[in-house]
Structures are given as structure tokens and as C-alpha cells.
C-alpha atoms as a PDB file:
ATOM      1  CA  MET A   1       0.000   0.000   0.000  1.00  0.00           C
ATOM      2  CA  VAL A   2       1.774   3.109  -1.297  1.00  0.00           C
ATOM      3  CA  LEU A   3      -0.059   5.500   1.058  1.00  0.00           C
ATOM      4  CA  PHE A   4       0.497   3.446   4.231  1.00  0.00           C
ATOM      5  CA  GLY A   5       3.316   5.643   5.586  1.00  0.00           C
ATOM      6  CA  THR A   6       1.432   8.834   4.794  1.00  0.00           C
ATOM      7  CA  LEU A   7      -1.701   7.474   6.480  1.00  0.00           C
ATOM      8  CA  ILE A   8       0.249   6.538   9.632  1.00  0.00           C
ATOM      9  CA  ASN A   9       1.813  10.015   9.697  1.00  0.00           C
ATOM     10  CA  ALA A  10      -1.615  11.676   9.550  1.00  0.00           C
ATOM     11  CA  ILE A  11      -3.100   9.338  12.176  1.00  0.00           C
ATOM     12  CA  LEU A  12      -0.238  10.008  14.615  1.00  0.00           C
ATOM     13  CA  ILE A  13      -0.819  13.761  14.246  1.00  0.00           C
ATOM     14  CA  ILE A  14      -4.485  13.226  15.133  1.00  0.00           C
ATOM     15  CA  VAL A  15      -3.657  10.980  18.102  1.00  0.00           C
ATOM     16  CA  GLY A  16      -1.026  13.440  19.338  1.00  0.00           C
ATOM     17  CA  THR A  17      -3.526  16.293  19.143  1.00  0.00           C
ATOM     18  CA  ILE A  18      -6.123  14.364  21.156  1.00  0.00           C
ATOM     19  CA  ILE A  19      -3.540  13.594  23.852  1.00  0.00           C
ATOM     20  CA  GLY A  20      -2.383  17.211  23.832  1.00  0.00           C
ATOM     21  CA  ARG A  21      -5.934  18.500  24.318  1.00  0.00           C
ATOM     22  CA  ALA A  22      -6.290  16.189  27.321  1.00  0.00           C
ATOM     23  CA  LEU A  23      -3.310  18.009  28.844  1.00  0.00           C
ATOM     24  CA  ARG A  24      -4.640  21.508  28.098  1.00  0.00           C
ATOM     25  CA  ASN A  25      -5.776  22.277  31.650  1.00  0.00           C
ATOM     26  CA  ILE A  26      -2.413  23.450  32.881  1.00  0.00           C
ATOM     27  CA  PRO A  27      -1.785  26.809  34.622  1.00  0.00           C
ATOM     28  CA  GLU A  28      -1.546  29.815  32.290  1.00  0.00           C
ATOM     29  CA  LYS A  29       1.965  30.736  33.449  1.00  0.00           C
ATOM     30  CA  MET A  30       3.162  27.209  32.758  1.00  0.00           C
ATOM     31  CA  LYS A  31       1.426  27.235  29.361  1.00  0.00           C
ATOM     32  CA  GLU A  32       3.103  30.541  28.482  1.00  0.00           C
ATOM     33  CA  THR A  33       6.538  29.259  29.459  1.00  0.00           C
ATOM     34  CA  VAL A  34       5.978  26.021  27.554  1.00  0.00           C
ATOM     35  CA  MET A  35       5.054  28.059  24.469  1.00  0.00           C
ATOM     36  CA  TYR A  36       8.298  30.023  24.725  1.00  0.00           C
ATOM     37  CA  VAL A  37      10.287  26.804  25.091  1.00  0.00           C
ATOM     38  CA  ILE A  38       8.542  25.238  22.084  1.00  0.00           C
ATOM     39  CA  GLY A  39       9.218  28.370  20.069  1.00  0.00           C
ATOM     40  CA  LEU A  40      12.878  28.331  21.055  1.00  0.00           C
ATOM     41  CA  ALA A  41      13.202  24.663  20.101  1.00  0.00           C
ATOM     42  CA  VAL A  42      11.535  25.340  16.744  1.00  0.00           C
ATOM     43  CA  VAL A  43      13.974  28.203  16.074  1.00  0.00           C
ATOM     44  CA  VAL A  44      16.937  25.909  16.773  1.00  0.00           C
ATOM     45  CA  LEU A  45      15.450  23.228  14.494  1.00  0.00           C
ATOM     46  CA  GLY A  46      14.983  25.765  11.717  1.00  0.00           C
ATOM     47  CA  LEU A  47      18.532  27.094  12.035  1.00  0.00           C
ATOM     48  CA  GLN A  48      19.910  23.554  11.974  1.00  0.00           C
ATOM     49  CA  MET A  49      18.040  22.903   8.715  1.00  0.00           C
ATOM     50  CA  GLY A  50      19.132  26.252   7.274  1.00  0.00           C
ATOM     51  CA  PHE A  51      22.809  25.466   7.818  1.00  0.00           C
ATOM     52  CA  GLU A  52      22.479  22.405   5.549  1.00  0.00           C
ATOM     53  CA  SER A  53      22.496  24.624   2.456  1.00  0.00           C
ATOM     54  CA  GLN A  54      25.444  24.229   0.096  1.00  0.00           C
ATOM     55  CA  ASN A  55      24.624  27.501  -1.661  1.00  0.00           C
ATOM     56  CA  PHE A  56      22.863  30.012   0.572  1.00  0.00           C
ATOM     57  CA  VAL A  57      22.387  32.390  -2.356  1.00  0.00           C
ATOM     58  CA  ILE A  58      19.713  29.965  -3.585  1.00  0.00           C
ATOM     59  CA  VAL A  59      17.992  30.222  -0.195  1.00  0.00           C
ATOM     60  CA  ILE A  60      18.058  34.036  -0.219  1.00  0.00           C
ATOM     61  CA  ILE A  61      16.770  34.329  -3.791  1.00  0.00           C
ATOM     62  CA  SER A  62      14.052  31.756  -3.130  1.00  0.00           C
ATOM     63  CA  LEU A  63      12.877  33.426   0.067  1.00  0.00           C
ATOM     64  CA  VAL A  64      12.783  36.932  -1.439  1.00  0.00           C
ATOM     65  CA  LEU A  65      10.984  35.967  -4.658  1.00  0.00           C
ATOM     66  CA  GLY A  66       8.757  33.515  -2.795  1.00  0.00           C
ATOM     67  CA  THR A  67       7.744  36.174  -0.286  1.00  0.00           C
ATOM     68  CA  VAL A  68       6.790  38.569  -3.086  1.00  0.00           C
ATOM     69  CA  LEU A  69       4.588  35.875  -4.653  1.00  0.00           C
ATOM     70  CA  GLY A  70       3.149  34.890  -1.280  1.00  0.00           C
ATOM     71  CA  GLU A  71       2.271  38.449  -0.271  1.00  0.00           C
ATOM     72  CA  TRP A  72       0.720  39.046  -3.687  1.00  0.00           C
ATOM     73  CA  SER A  73      -1.471  35.935  -3.444  1.00  0.00           C
ATOM     74  CA  ASN A  74      -2.054  36.329   0.334  1.00  0.00           C
ATOM     75  CA  ILE A  75      -1.571  32.655   1.189  1.00  0.00           C
ATOM     76  CA  ASP A  76      -1.424  33.431   4.911  1.00  0.00           C
ATOM     77  CA  GLY A  77      -4.777  35.195   4.770  1.00  0.00           C
ATOM     78  CA  LYS A  78      -6.382  32.293   2.928  1.00  0.00           C
ATOM     79  CA  LEU A  79      -5.035  29.699   5.403  1.00  0.00           C
ATOM     80  CA  ASN A  80      -6.253  31.771   8.340  1.00  0.00           C
ATOM     81  CA  ALA A  81      -9.621  32.276   6.674  1.00  0.00           C
ATOM     82  CA  PHE A  82      -9.934  28.491   6.347  1.00  0.00           C
ATOM     83  CA  GLY A  83      -9.080  28.118  10.027  1.00  0.00           C
ATOM     84  CA  HIS A  84     -11.668  30.724  11.014  1.00  0.00           C
ATOM     85  CA  TRP A  85     -14.259  28.964   8.820  1.00  0.00           C
ATOM     86  CA  ILE A  86     -13.572  25.751  10.738  1.00  0.00           C
ATOM     87  CA  GLU A  87     -14.017  27.707  13.999  1.00  0.00           C
ATOM     88  CA  ARG A  88     -17.443  28.883  12.886  1.00  0.00           C
ATOM     89  CA  MET A  89     -18.418  25.363  11.794  1.00  0.00           C
ATOM     90  CA  LEU A  90     -17.468  24.051  15.233  1.00  0.00           C
ATOM     91  CA  GLY A  91     -19.290  26.854  17.020  1.00  0.00           C
ATOM     92  CA  ALA A  92     -16.031  28.566  18.053  1.00  0.00           C
ATOM     93  CA  LYS A  93     -15.768  26.483  21.215  1.00  0.00           C
ATOM     94  CA  GLU A  94     -12.093  27.359  21.546  1.00  0.00           C
ATOM     95  CA  SER A  95     -10.752  30.832  22.127  1.00  0.00           C
ATOM     96  CA  LYS A  96     -11.092  33.102  19.107  1.00  0.00           C
ATOM     97  CA  GLY A  97      -8.356  32.520  16.556  1.00  0.00           C
ATOM     98  CA  SER A  98      -6.840  29.513  18.314  1.00  0.00           C
ATOM     99  CA  ILE A  99      -7.990  26.967  15.739  1.00  0.00           C
ATOM    100  CA  ALA A 100      -6.663  29.064  12.857  1.00  0.00           C
ATOM    101  CA  GLN A 101      -3.359  29.637  14.656  1.00  0.00           C
ATOM    102  CA  GLY A 102      -2.966  25.964  15.515  1.00  0.00           C
ATOM    103  CA  PHE A 103      -3.811  24.849  11.977  1.00  0.00           C
ATOM    104  CA  VAL A 104      -1.435  27.274  10.244  1.00  0.00           C
ATOM    105  CA  THR A 105       1.452  26.770  12.679  1.00  0.00           C
ATOM    106  CA  ALA A 106       1.231  22.971  12.721  1.00  0.00           C
ATOM    107  CA  THR A 107       0.781  22.722   8.948  1.00  0.00           C
ATOM    108  CA  LEU A 108       3.917  24.742   8.295  1.00  0.00           C
ATOM    109  CA  ILE A 109       5.970  22.733  10.794  1.00  0.00           C
ATOM    110  CA  PHE A 110       4.774  19.322   9.550  1.00  0.00           C
ATOM    111  CA  VAL A 111       4.862  20.029   5.798  1.00  0.00           C
ATOM    112  CA  ILE A 112       8.159  21.913   5.495  1.00  0.00           C
ATOM    113  CA  GLY A 113      11.237  19.720   5.546  1.00  0.00           C
ATOM    114  CA  ALA A 114      13.090  17.033   3.661  1.00  0.00           C
ATOM    115  CA  MET A 115      11.724  14.041   5.603  1.00  0.00           C
ATOM    116  CA  GLY A 116       8.286  14.298   4.025  1.00  0.00           C
ATOM    117  CA  ILE A 117       9.618  14.348   0.465  1.00  0.00           C
ATOM    118  CA  ILE A 118      12.254  11.651   0.994  1.00  0.00           C
ATOM    119  CA  GLY A 119       9.839   9.413   2.891  1.00  0.00           C
ATOM    120  CA  ALA A 120       7.044   9.830   0.358  1.00  0.00           C
ATOM    121  CA  MET A 121       9.425   9.089  -2.528  1.00  0.00           C
ATOM    122  CA  GLU A 122      10.601   5.945  -0.718  1.00  0.00           C
ATOM    123  CA  SER A 123       7.004   4.862  -0.134  1.00  0.00           C
ATOM    124  CA  GLY A 124       6.119   5.358  -3.777  1.00  0.00           C
ATOM    125  CA  LEU A 125       9.221   3.778  -5.293  1.00  0.00           C
ATOM    126  CA  SER A 126       9.880   0.809  -3.014  1.00  0.00           C
ATOM    127  CA  ASN A 127       6.812   0.551  -0.771  1.00  0.00           C
ATOM    128  CA  GLU A 128       9.073   1.137   2.253  1.00  0.00           C
ATOM    129  CA  HIS A 129       7.523   3.390   4.887  1.00  0.00           C
ATOM    130  CA  GLY A 130      10.169   3.623   7.613  1.00  0.00           C
ATOM    131  CA  VAL A 131      11.017   7.287   7.028  1.00  0.00           C
ATOM    132  CA  LEU A 132       7.388   8.443   7.057  1.00  0.00           C
ATOM    133  CA  ILE A 133       6.579   6.357  10.130  1.00  0.00           C
ATOM    134  CA  SER A 134       9.569   7.919  11.903  1.00  0.00           C
ATOM    135  CA  LYS A 135       8.359  11.353  10.803  1.00  0.00           C
ATOM    136  CA  GLY A 136       4.903  10.448  12.052  1.00  0.00           C
ATOM    137  CA  ILE A 137       6.256   9.596  15.506  1.00  0.00           C
ATOM    138  CA  ILE A 138       8.108  12.929  15.632  1.00  0.00           C
ATOM    139  CA  ASP A 139       5.022  14.795  14.382  1.00  0.00           C
ATOM    140  CA  GLY A 140       2.868  12.950  16.912  1.00  0.00           C
ATOM    141  CA  PHE A 141       4.956  14.051  19.875  1.00  0.00           C
ATOM    142  CA  THR A 142       5.132  17.572  18.435  1.00  0.00           C
ATOM    143  CA  SER A 143       1.331  17.539  18.113  1.00  0.00           C
ATOM    144  CA  ILE A 144       0.972  16.733  21.798  1.00  0.00           C
ATOM    145  CA  VAL A 145       2.980  19.786  22.767  1.00  0.00           C
ATOM    146  CA  LEU A 146       1.432  22.104  20.180  1.00  0.00           C
ATOM    147  CA  ALA A 147      -2.138  21.012  20.893  1.00  0.00           C
ATOM    148  CA  SER A 148      -1.722  21.560  24.636  1.00  0.00           C
ATOM    149  CA  THR A 149      -1.105  25.243  23.917  1.00  0.00           C
ATOM    150  CA  LEU A 150      -2.488  26.028  20.443  1.00  0.00           C
ATOM    151  CA  GLY A 151      -5.600  23.871  20.539  1.00  0.00           C
ATOM    152  CA  PHE A 152      -7.652  21.642  18.270  1.00  0.00           C
ATOM    153  CA  GLY A 153      -6.468  23.358  15.060  1.00  0.00           C
ATOM    154  CA  VAL A 154      -3.294  21.261  15.180  1.00  0.00           C
ATOM    155  CA  LEU A 155      -5.368  18.185  14.266  1.00  0.00           C
ATOM    156  CA  LEU A 156      -6.426  19.799  10.971  1.00  0.00           C
ATOM    157  CA  ALA A 157      -2.782  19.822   9.857  1.00  0.00           C
ATOM    158  CA  ALA A 158      -3.166  16.082   9.222  1.00  0.00           C
ATOM    159  CA  ILE A 159      -5.167  16.932   6.080  1.00  0.00           C
ATOM    160  CA  PRO A 160      -2.508  18.886   4.129  1.00  0.00           C
ATOM    161  CA  VAL A 161       0.165  16.449   5.355  1.00  0.00           C
ATOM    162  CA  PHE A 162      -1.801  13.501   3.946  1.00  0.00           C
ATOM    163  CA  VAL A 163      -2.536  15.256   0.635  1.00  0.00           C
ATOM    164  CA  TYR A 164       1.011  16.619   0.152  1.00  0.00           C
ATOM    165  CA  GLN A 165       2.903  13.432   1.009  1.00  0.00           C
ATOM    166  CA  GLY A 166       0.295  11.225  -0.617  1.00  0.00           C
ATOM    167  CA  LEU A 167       0.597  12.981  -3.981  1.00  0.00           C
ATOM    168  CA  ILE A 168       4.385  12.675  -3.899  1.00  0.00           C
ATOM    169  CA  ALA A 169       4.107   8.959  -3.081  1.00  0.00           C
ATOM    170  CA  LEU A 170       1.582   8.343  -5.853  1.00  0.00           C
ATOM    171  CA  PHE A 171       3.702  10.148  -8.464  1.00  0.00           C
ATOM    172  CA  ALA A 172       7.112   9.070  -7.126  1.00  0.00           C
ATOM    173  CA  THR A 173       7.928   6.921 -10.155  1.00  0.00           C
ATOM    174  CA  GLN A 174       7.163   9.742 -12.574  1.00  0.00           C
ATOM    175  CA  ILE A 175       9.170  12.214 -10.460  1.00  0.00           C
ATOM    176  CA  SER A 176      12.214   9.915 -10.362  1.00  0.00           C
ATOM    177  CA  LEU A 177      12.094   9.449 -14.149  1.00  0.00           C
ATOM    178  CA  ALA A 178      11.637  13.146 -14.905  1.00  0.00           C
ATOM    179  CA  ILE A 179      14.249  14.556 -12.496  1.00  0.00           C
ATOM    180  CA  PRO A 180      17.902  13.392 -12.453  1.00  0.00           C
ATOM    181  CA  ASP A 181      19.156  12.200  -9.063  1.00  0.00           C
ATOM    182  CA  ALA A 182      21.740  15.011  -8.774  1.00  0.00           C
ATOM    183  CA  ALA A 183      19.117  17.696  -9.386  1.00  0.00           C
ATOM    184  CA  LEU A 184      16.652  16.046  -6.997  1.00  0.00           C
ATOM    185  CA  ASP A 185      19.304  15.793  -4.262  1.00  0.00           C
ATOM    186  CA  MET A 186      20.192  19.476  -4.718  1.00  0.00           C
ATOM    187  CA  PHE A 187      16.522  20.455  -4.602  1.00  0.00           C
ATOM    188  CA  ILE A 188      15.860  18.492  -1.409  1.00  0.00           C
ATOM    189  CA  MET A 189      18.924  19.998   0.293  1.00  0.00           C
ATOM    190  CA  GLU A 190      18.168  23.611  -0.662  1.00  0.00           C
ATOM    191  CA  MET A 191      14.428  23.154  -0.092  1.00  0.00           C
ATOM    192  CA  SER A 192      15.165  21.873   3.402  1.00  0.00           C
ATOM    193  CA  ALA A 193      17.436  24.849   4.105  1.00  0.00           C
ATOM    194  CA  THR A 194      14.857  27.319   2.771  1.00  0.00           C
ATOM    195  CA  GLY A 195      12.159  25.602   4.819  1.00  0.00           C
ATOM    196  CA  GLY A 196      14.440  25.790   7.845  1.00  0.00           C
ATOM    197  CA  VAL A 197      14.438  29.591   7.678  1.00  0.00           C
ATOM    198  CA  MET A 198      10.636  29.499   7.553  1.00  0.00           C
ATOM    199  CA  ILE A 199      10.519  27.170  10.562  1.00  0.00           C
ATOM    200  CA  ALA A 200      12.845  29.507  12.483  1.00  0.00           C
ATOM    201  CA  ALA A 201      10.401  32.331  11.691  1.00  0.00           C
ATOM    202  CA  ILE A 202       7.546  30.209  13.066  1.00  0.00           C
ATOM    203  CA  GLY A 203       9.478  29.766  16.314  1.00  0.00           C
ATOM    204  CA  LEU A 204      10.077  33.514  16.622  1.00  0.00           C
ATOM    205  CA  ASN A 205       6.352  34.114  16.072  1.00  0.00           C
ATOM    206  CA  MET A 206       5.481  31.561  18.764  1.00  0.00           C
ATOM    207  CA  MET A 207       7.690  33.432  21.225  1.00  0.00           C
ATOM    208  CA  GLY A 208       6.063  36.724  20.287  1.00  0.00           C
ATOM    209  CA  VAL A 209       9.342  38.177  19.001  1.00  0.00           C
ATOM    210  CA  THR A 210       8.056  38.703  15.452  1.00  0.00           C
ATOM    211  CA  LYS A 211       4.786  38.671  13.506  1.00  0.00           C
ATOM    212  CA  ILE A 212       6.034  37.250  10.222  1.00  0.00           C
ATOM    213  CA  ARG A 213       3.336  35.957   7.856  1.00  0.00           C
ATOM    214  CA  VAL A 214       5.243  32.714   7.358  1.00  0.00           C
ATOM    215  CA  ALA A 215       2.682  31.110   5.049  1.00  0.00           C
ATOM    216  CA  ASN A 216       3.421  33.863   2.545  1.00  0.00           C
ATOM    217  CA  LEU A 217       6.989  32.540   2.333  1.00  0.00           C
ATOM    218  CA  LEU A 218       5.826  29.129   1.055  1.00  0.00           C
ATOM    219  CA  PRO A 219       6.177  29.955  -2.675  1.00  0.00           C
ATOM    220  CA  GLY A 220       9.893  30.062  -1.908  1.00  0.00           C
ATOM    221  CA  ILE A 221       9.839  26.251  -2.087  1.00  0.00           C
ATOM    222  CA  LEU A 222       8.604  26.493  -5.695  1.00  0.00           C
ATOM    223  CA  VAL A 223      11.274  29.087  -6.477  1.00  0.00           C
ATOM    224  CA  VAL A 224      13.936  26.690  -5.125  1.00  0.00           C
ATOM    225  CA  GLY A 225      12.797  24.143  -7.718  1.00  0.00           C
ATOM    226  CA  ILE A 226      13.000  26.710 -10.526  1.00  0.00           C
ATOM    227  CA  VAL A 227      16.454  27.964  -9.471  1.00  0.00           C
ATOM    228  CA  VAL A 228      17.822  24.413  -9.110  1.00  0.00           C
ATOM    229  CA  THR A 229      16.424  23.524 -12.545  1.00  0.00           C
ATOM    230  CA  ILE A 230      18.189  26.522 -14.109  1.00  0.00           C
ATOM    231  CA  ILE A 231      21.466  25.692 -12.345  1.00  0.00           C
ATOM    232  CA  TYR A 232      21.327  22.054 -13.420  1.00  0.00           C
ATOM    233  CA  LYS A 233      20.149  22.719 -16.983  1.00  0.00           C
ATOM    234  CA  PHE A 234      22.896  25.240 -17.686  1.00  0.00           C
ATOM    235  CA  ASN A 235      25.522  23.273 -15.749  1.00  0.00           C
ATOM    236  CA  LEU A 236      26.123  26.081 -13.238  1.00  0.00           C
ATOM    237  CA  MET A 237      26.792  23.628 -10.401  1.00  0.00           C
END
């Protein structure tokens, strides 16, 4: 079953969220401190990913052009609007904005990164799901912590994770035939580094240091693919 790893990943996010909501009744001061600690850990994770780049110029170009595209199309606004729509559908039982915040934050953390792409490719090409199951365990524990502070919206992140990784798994054979291994390896490395900067921005937002509309940076991932294609095609490596 090609989608087995992706399905497990999504289920573990849901289970983690349910456990996290069971732990939500903690003192406000403790919850605030936990949020700062989570944010700090996310910043460190993002920086670690960012340092993996072999050509940081690609990261800078991708982030700048991606941000322009993201601001123009207002991806952040659309994601938040979806979260607020879910709040209304559920009767807004959680504090105003918490579902949207949880959904957007968790989606960005779970979707950005090399593990999802590598794991989904492995699932699609060889029906091996170890990487995605490992990612699911990590995402599950992360969901527990996020859901205890950000709420039920974290569970909704399982949807884009399933769709994103599932599509890669289903089309893995076509992707491997269309993209040379060297170009794909470069893309994954620079995509991970670019995503790392975005994840660091998420952590800063969680700590209240910045108010960066991180979702509007997402087109940067597409720009990475275009830049890597140009570099590979014209042998600029």
C-alpha cells in the first residue's frame, strides 16, 4: 500500500492532538513558558536545517521571490480564513483565533522539511515506509505539545500532510524518471534549508518576538525548484 506511511503520519498527528488536548488544563503561566520553550526549540530546528544549504544564495533568492509571490497571493490570509471557517463550523468552542493559529502553525511545521519528500518518494518507489513512520512519531509528539497550547487546530494539519505526502508517493515513479538524481538531491537539500528559515520564523512568532506571515513565504519552495532547474540545466553547479 503506497499510502500506508502517509496514512500513519496523519493518524499520529491526530492521536497526538487528542492527547495534547487532554493536557490543556495546565496553569496559564506554565502554558506561556511552555510556548516560549517550544518556540525556542523550533527556532533551533529551523537554524539547523538552514545550515544544511550548500549555496545560501539559492535560499536568499528563493525566500525573497517567494515572499513577493506569497504576499501578492495572500496565502497566509487564505489559510487563516480556512481556520476561522472551521471555527465557525465548530461553534467557536475554543478561544477566538486559536484553531486558525494551531492549523497554520502545525501545517507549516509538519509540511516543510526534507523528511516528508524523501519518505514519500521511498514509499512510492519501493513501498518502504520507515522514514514516514519515523516522521509520524516525531510529528505525533510535536502535536501533543502544540495542541496543549495552540488547541484543536493542530489536528487539521493532518489533512494537508496527507494530501502533500500522498501525492508525492503516488507520483514518485514519474518524479524519479523526470528529475535526475543530482538535481533532486540538490533540490531536497536547498528546499530543506529554505524551509528551515521558515521554521525559524515560526518559532520567533510563537515566542512573540516577530509577527512574520510565514505562510506567505511558502512559494519560496517552488522558487527553489525553478532555481535548481536553471542551475542544473545550464551546468552552473
